[in-house]
Amino acid sequence: MEKKRDFSTKNADYTLHYGIHFFKSKINDLKNYDAIVLETGFNSYDEFTYQSLRNTPQYQDILKKNEKLDEPRPIFFVDVPPIKPLRKY
């Protein structure tokens, strides 16, 4: 079962898909999104490269699907602080 939360701001609509870093995150159709924001974990951003993230189980399907789009979506990488209730996902 996919865990996600939809929410909006004044200027945009969002869907937050919860993921676990050791498992593949799945988004069926990236065409429905204007941009992709991926959570990268607790390391320094200097340690991440697009290629290293592309080869991680959590992101590889999403990034490869995005590359195949006629108009690939912009991708942003952030770190979301751990929240105890999310740990059960």
Protein backbone atom coordinates (compact mmCIF):
# COMPACT_ATOMS: atom_id res chain seq x y z
CA MET A 1 0.00 0.00 0.00
CA GLU A 2 1.40 3.36 -1.03
CA LYS A 3 1.62 5.96 1.74
CA LYS A 4 1.14 9.55 0.64
CA ARG A 5 -0.31 12.86 1.73
CA ASP A 6 -1.77 15.54 -0.54
CA PHE A 7 -1.67 19.21 0.45
CA SER A 8 -1.70 22.67 -1.14
CA THR A 9 -0.29 26.12 -0.70
CA LYS A 10 -1.52 29.33 -2.30
CA ASN A 11 0.61 28.70 -5.39
CA ALA A 12 0.90 24.93 -5.75
CA ASP A 13 -0.54 21.49 -5.08
CA TYR A 14 1.68 18.77 -3.60
CA THR A 15 1.73 15.04 -3.11
CA LEU A 16 4.16 13.73 -0.51
CA HIS A 17 5.08 10.08 -1.05
CA TYR A 18 6.63 8.45 1.99
CA GLY A 19 9.58 6.22 1.25
CA ILE A 20 12.16 4.10 2.98
CA HIS A 21 15.71 4.59 1.74
CA PHE A 22 16.34 0.88 1.18
CA PHE A 23 13.20 0.23 -0.91
CA LYS A 24 12.08 1.48 -4.30
CA SER A 25 9.77 4.48 -4.27
CA LYS A 26 7.13 4.21 -6.97
CA ILE A 27 5.22 6.94 -8.74
CA ASN A 28 3.12 5.59 -11.57
CA ASP A 29 2.92 8.59 -13.91
CA LEU A 30 5.32 11.50 -13.62
CA LYS A 31 3.39 13.38 -16.33
CA ASN A 32 0.91 14.41 -13.63
CA TYR A 33 3.57 16.44 -11.79
CA ASP A 34 5.26 19.78 -12.45
CA ALA A 35 8.36 18.96 -10.39
CA ILE A 36 9.82 16.20 -8.25
CA VAL A 37 11.19 16.69 -4.74
CA LEU A 38 13.16 13.79 -3.29
CA GLU A 39 14.32 13.36 0.29
CA THR A 40 18.01 12.51 0.47
CA GLY A 41 18.65 11.64 4.10
CA PHE A 42 20.99 12.77 6.81
CA ASN A 43 24.29 13.11 4.93
CA SER A 44 25.95 16.25 3.61
CA TYR A 45 24.60 17.39 0.25
CA ASP A 46 28.20 17.62 -0.97
CA GLU A 47 28.32 13.81 -0.84
CA PHE A 48 25.43 13.33 -3.26
CA THR A 49 25.69 13.29 -7.02
CA TYR A 50 22.86 12.74 -9.43
CA GLN A 51 24.50 9.52 -10.61
CA SER A 52 24.86 8.13 -7.09
CA LEU A 53 21.20 8.91 -6.31
CA ARG A 54 20.14 7.45 -9.68
CA ASN A 55 21.64 4.13 -8.64
CA THR A 56 20.05 3.94 -5.19
CA PRO A 57 17.05 1.63 -4.78
CA GLN A 58 14.76 4.39 -3.51
CA TYR A 59 15.18 6.75 -6.46
CA GLN A 60 16.28 4.74 -9.49
CA ASP A 61 12.81 4.08 -10.97
CA ILE A 62 11.64 7.67 -10.51
CA LEU A 63 14.79 9.23 -11.98
CA LYS A 64 14.93 6.84 -14.94
CA LYS A 65 11.23 7.48 -15.71
CA ASN A 66 11.87 11.21 -15.55
CA GLU A 67 14.78 10.94 -17.99
CA LYS A 68 12.49 9.25 -20.53
CA LEU A 69 9.89 12.04 -20.53
CA ASP A 70 9.78 14.41 -23.51
CA GLU A 71 9.97 17.23 -20.96
CA PRO A 72 11.74 15.90 -17.85
CA ARG A 73 10.53 17.46 -14.62
CA PRO A 74 12.85 19.58 -12.49
CA ILE A 75 14.16 17.65 -9.49
CA PHE A 76 14.88 19.10 -6.06
CA PHE A 77 16.61 17.22 -3.25
CA VAL A 78 15.83 18.04 0.39
CA ASP A 79 16.23 16.52 3.82
CA VAL A 80 13.06 15.99 5.84
CA PRO A 81 13.66 15.68 9.58
CA PRO A 82 12.57 12.33 11.00
CA ILE A 83 9.16 12.38 12.60
CA LYS A 84 8.29 9.52 14.89
CA PRO A 85 4.84 8.71 13.39
CA LEU A 86 6.38 8.43 9.90
CA ARG A 87 8.78 5.74 11.05
CA LYS A 88 6.02 3.11 10.84
CA TYR A 89 5.85 3.61 7.07
